[in-house]
């Protein structure tokens, strides 16, 4: 068995007039994330971690923001496609760990639903998913509530 680790990071600015999606669920907030798709920085970071661990490139290679078919698309769909890509390459998820960095809104209360949602898409137990929230302590674009960032680390295994 081969063990592979991957890391993914994403940052999107907060804007008016868009819903806020994080971890595949809508979070009540007066601002949403700007992006070619729905702007879900958490799922985008997770996708990059999964693709990196499996040696399949990055989110831009598979779902380029220059491709109109991905304009406004749900990041849930992109995660489903990524799940299929890593599965077709013979990889299975051991666990994943994520940090979502946002000054506002407070996210901890949404993590149980987020974990169940991600687990359902990935076809794994929610016990294999850990999520944490951090603020910017008033510093930088995150601390000023101008952006939300996410960082994920995943561990995959592949039967040889």
Protein backbone atom coordinates (compact mmCIF):
# COMPACT_ATOMS: atom_id res chain seq x y z
CA UNK A 1 0.00 0.00 0.00
CA UNK A 2 1.21 3.48 -0.84
CA UNK A 3 0.35 6.46 1.43
CA UNK A 4 0.19 9.95 -0.13
CA UNK A 5 -0.36 13.36 1.46
CA UNK A 6 -1.73 16.47 -0.23
CA UNK A 7 -2.26 20.08 0.76
CA UNK A 8 -4.65 22.62 -0.69
CA UNK A 9 -5.21 26.30 -0.04
CA UNK A 10 -7.68 28.83 -1.40
CA UNK A 11 -8.66 32.43 -0.75
CA UNK A 12 -11.68 34.33 -2.04
CA UNK A 13 -12.75 37.88 -1.36
CA UNK A 14 -16.11 38.64 0.20
CA UNK A 15 -18.58 40.64 -1.89
CA UNK A 16 -22.17 41.79 -1.69
CA UNK A 17 -24.89 40.14 -3.73
CA UNK A 18 -23.70 36.53 -3.51
CA UNK A 19 -24.64 33.74 -1.11
CA UNK A 20 -21.87 32.40 1.13
CA UNK A 21 -20.99 28.76 0.46
CA UNK A 22 -18.40 26.98 2.59
CA UNK A 23 -17.86 23.24 2.77
CA UNK A 24 -20.72 22.75 0.34
CA UNK A 25 -23.44 24.35 2.47
CA UNK A 26 -24.92 27.82 2.45
CA UNK A 27 -23.96 29.89 5.49
CA UNK A 28 -26.25 32.79 6.45
CA UNK A 29 -24.22 35.97 5.98
CA UNK A 30 -24.67 39.34 4.30
CA UNK A 31 -21.63 38.75 2.05
CA UNK A 32 -20.63 35.87 -0.22
CA UNK A 33 -17.42 34.72 -1.86
CA UNK A 34 -16.48 36.01 -5.29
CA UNK A 35 -15.43 33.37 -7.79
CA UNK A 36 -15.97 31.87 -11.23
CA UNK A 37 -17.95 29.05 -9.60
CA UNK A 38 -19.88 29.52 -6.37
CA UNK A 39 -16.62 30.61 -4.70
CA UNK A 40 -16.56 27.90 -2.00
CA UNK A 41 -12.96 28.36 -0.79
CA UNK A 42 -13.19 25.34 1.53
CA UNK A 43 -14.16 22.87 -1.20
CA UNK A 44 -11.63 24.42 -3.59
CA UNK A 45 -8.84 23.89 -1.05
CA UNK A 46 -10.05 20.33 -0.43
CA UNK A 47 -10.08 19.60 -4.17
CA UNK A 48 -6.50 20.84 -4.53
CA UNK A 49 -5.43 18.67 -1.57
CA UNK A 50 -7.09 15.58 -3.08
CA UNK A 51 -5.64 16.20 -6.53
CA UNK A 52 -2.19 16.92 -5.10
CA UNK A 53 -2.10 13.76 -3.01
CA UNK A 54 -3.12 11.67 -5.99
CA UNK A 55 -0.65 13.38 -8.34
CA UNK A 56 -3.42 14.63 -10.62
CA UNK A 57 -2.51 18.31 -10.76
CA UNK A 58 -4.70 21.06 -9.38
CA UNK A 59 -8.19 22.53 -9.56
CA UNK A 60 -7.27 24.90 -12.40
CA UNK A 61 -6.13 22.01 -14.60
CA UNK A 62 -9.40 20.13 -14.25
CA UNK A 63 -11.89 22.98 -13.80
CA UNK A 64 -10.35 26.12 -15.37
CA UNK A 65 -11.96 29.47 -14.69
CA UNK A 66 -11.66 30.16 -18.41
CA UNK A 67 -14.20 27.41 -19.16
CA UNK A 68 -17.76 28.76 -19.29
CA UNK A 69 -19.25 25.40 -18.24
CA UNK A 70 -17.93 26.10 -14.73
CA UNK A 71 -19.33 29.63 -14.46
CA UNK A 72 -21.51 29.72 -11.34
CA UNK A 73 -21.27 25.93 -10.90
CA UNK A 74 -21.74 24.40 -7.46
CA UNK A 75 -18.41 23.39 -5.95
CA UNK A 76 -20.22 20.28 -4.73
CA UNK A 77 -20.28 19.09 -8.35
CA UNK A 78 -16.55 19.81 -8.71
CA UNK A 79 -15.88 17.79 -5.55
CA UNK A 80 -17.95 14.89 -6.92
CA UNK A 81 -15.91 14.92 -10.13
CA UNK A 82 -12.69 15.06 -8.09
CA UNK A 83 -13.84 12.13 -5.95
CA UNK A 84 -14.33 10.13 -9.15
CA UNK A 85 -10.92 11.15 -10.51
CA UNK A 86 -9.04 9.99 -7.43
CA UNK A 87 -11.11 6.82 -7.19
CA UNK A 88 -10.39 6.01 -10.86
CA UNK A 89 -6.69 6.50 -10.09
CA UNK A 90 -6.99 3.86 -7.34
CA UNK A 91 -6.89 6.14 -4.29
CA UNK A 92 -9.00 6.04 -1.14
CA UNK A 93 -9.25 8.68 1.58
CA UNK A 94 -7.70 7.89 4.96
CA UNK A 95 -8.59 11.25 6.52
CA UNK A 96 -8.73 14.97 5.93
CA UNK A 97 -8.12 17.98 8.14
CA UNK A 98 -9.21 21.51 7.29
CA UNK A 99 -8.97 25.04 8.61
CA UNK A 100 -11.35 27.76 7.46
CA UNK A 101 -10.10 31.25 8.24
CA UNK A 102 -12.79 33.91 8.55
CA UNK A 103 -13.24 36.85 10.88
CA UNK A 104 -17.01 36.67 10.30
CA UNK A 105 -19.26 34.75 10.35
CA UNK A 106 -18.46 32.41 13.22
CA UNK A 107 -18.33 28.91 11.74
CA UNK A 108 -18.04 26.31 14.52
CA UNK A 109 -21.79 25.73 14.75
CA UNK A 110 -21.91 24.83 11.03
CA UNK A 111 -19.14 22.21 11.18
CA UNK A 112 -21.29 19.18 12.07
CA UNK A 113 -23.55 19.73 9.03
CA UNK A 114 -20.54 20.59 6.86
CA UNK A 115 -18.75 17.39 7.88
CA UNK A 116 -21.81 15.24 7.14
CA UNK A 117 -22.26 16.94 3.77
CA UNK A 118 -18.62 16.48 2.74
CA UNK A 119 -18.63 12.88 3.98
CA UNK A 120 -21.70 12.11 1.88
CA UNK A 121 -20.11 13.52 -1.28
CA UNK A 122 -16.80 11.76 -0.66
CA UNK A 123 -18.40 8.46 0.38
CA UNK A 124 -16.56 8.32 3.72
CA UNK A 125 -17.44 8.50 7.40
CA UNK A 126 -17.71 12.00 8.83
CA UNK A 127 -15.38 10.75 11.58
CA UNK A 128 -12.56 10.92 9.01
CA UNK A 129 -13.08 14.67 8.63
CA UNK A 130 -11.80 17.30 11.03
CA UNK A 131 -12.64 21.00 10.65
CA UNK A 132 -11.31 23.99 12.54
CA UNK A 133 -12.07 27.71 12.43
CA UNK A 134 -9.57 30.52 12.86
CA UNK A 135 -9.93 34.28 12.68
CA UNK A 136 -7.46 36.81 11.39
CA UNK A 137 -7.30 38.50 14.80
CA UNK A 138 -8.14 41.74 12.99
CA UNK A 139 -5.08 41.46 10.72
CA UNK A 140 -4.88 41.32 6.92
CA UNK A 141 -7.73 40.76 4.48
CA UNK A 142 -9.18 37.98 6.62
CA UNK A 143 -9.04 40.00 9.83
CA UNK A 144 -10.68 42.95 8.07
CA UNK A 145 -13.51 40.62 6.87
CA UNK A 146 -12.54 41.19 3.24
CA UNK A 147 -11.84 37.53 2.44
CA UNK A 148 -12.15 33.94 3.62
CA UNK A 149 -9.39 31.38 3.23
CA UNK A 150 -9.22 27.61 3.67
CA UNK A 151 -6.41 25.11 4.05
CA UNK A 152 -6.82 21.32 3.80
CA UNK A 153 -4.48 18.40 4.27
CA UNK A 154 -5.53 14.94 3.10
CA UNK A 155 -4.05 11.51 3.49
CA UNK A 156 -4.79 8.96 0.76
CA UNK A 157 -3.82 5.37 0.23
CA UNK A 158 -3.48 3.35 -2.94
CA UNK A 159 -3.29 -0.41 -3.17
CA UNK A 160 -0.29 -1.40 -5.29
